[in-house]
Amino acid sequence: MGDGVLGVCQGEGFSEMPRQITEIKEFLMTARRKDAKSVKIKKNPDNVKFKVRCSKYLYTLVIQVSSILVITLLSLTSEVIAFSPFHEM
């Protein structure tokens, strides 16, 4: 019993710890991979998180809201989602 949270997370369906991506180009390349299953965008008052679920890891790119890059990346991400293998047309 003394495993705590670690014991709970080792069950089937759980993957390893999430990975943080720091470069926009790296995130876009990850989102286009064949094992990418979904892309989620989470908006907070302070930042915007772009998350892509791949077979082994959940990759996250965090951008500060004050940055003009958020608007650009939102438009780029919508294009990536439209052409990704997990998106149905």
Foldseek 3Di string as FASTA:
>chain_A
DPPPPVVVQVDPPHADEAAEDADLVVVLVVLQDQQWADWDWDDDPFWIWIWTDGPHHIYIYIDGPVDPVVVVSVVVVVVSLVPHPNHDD
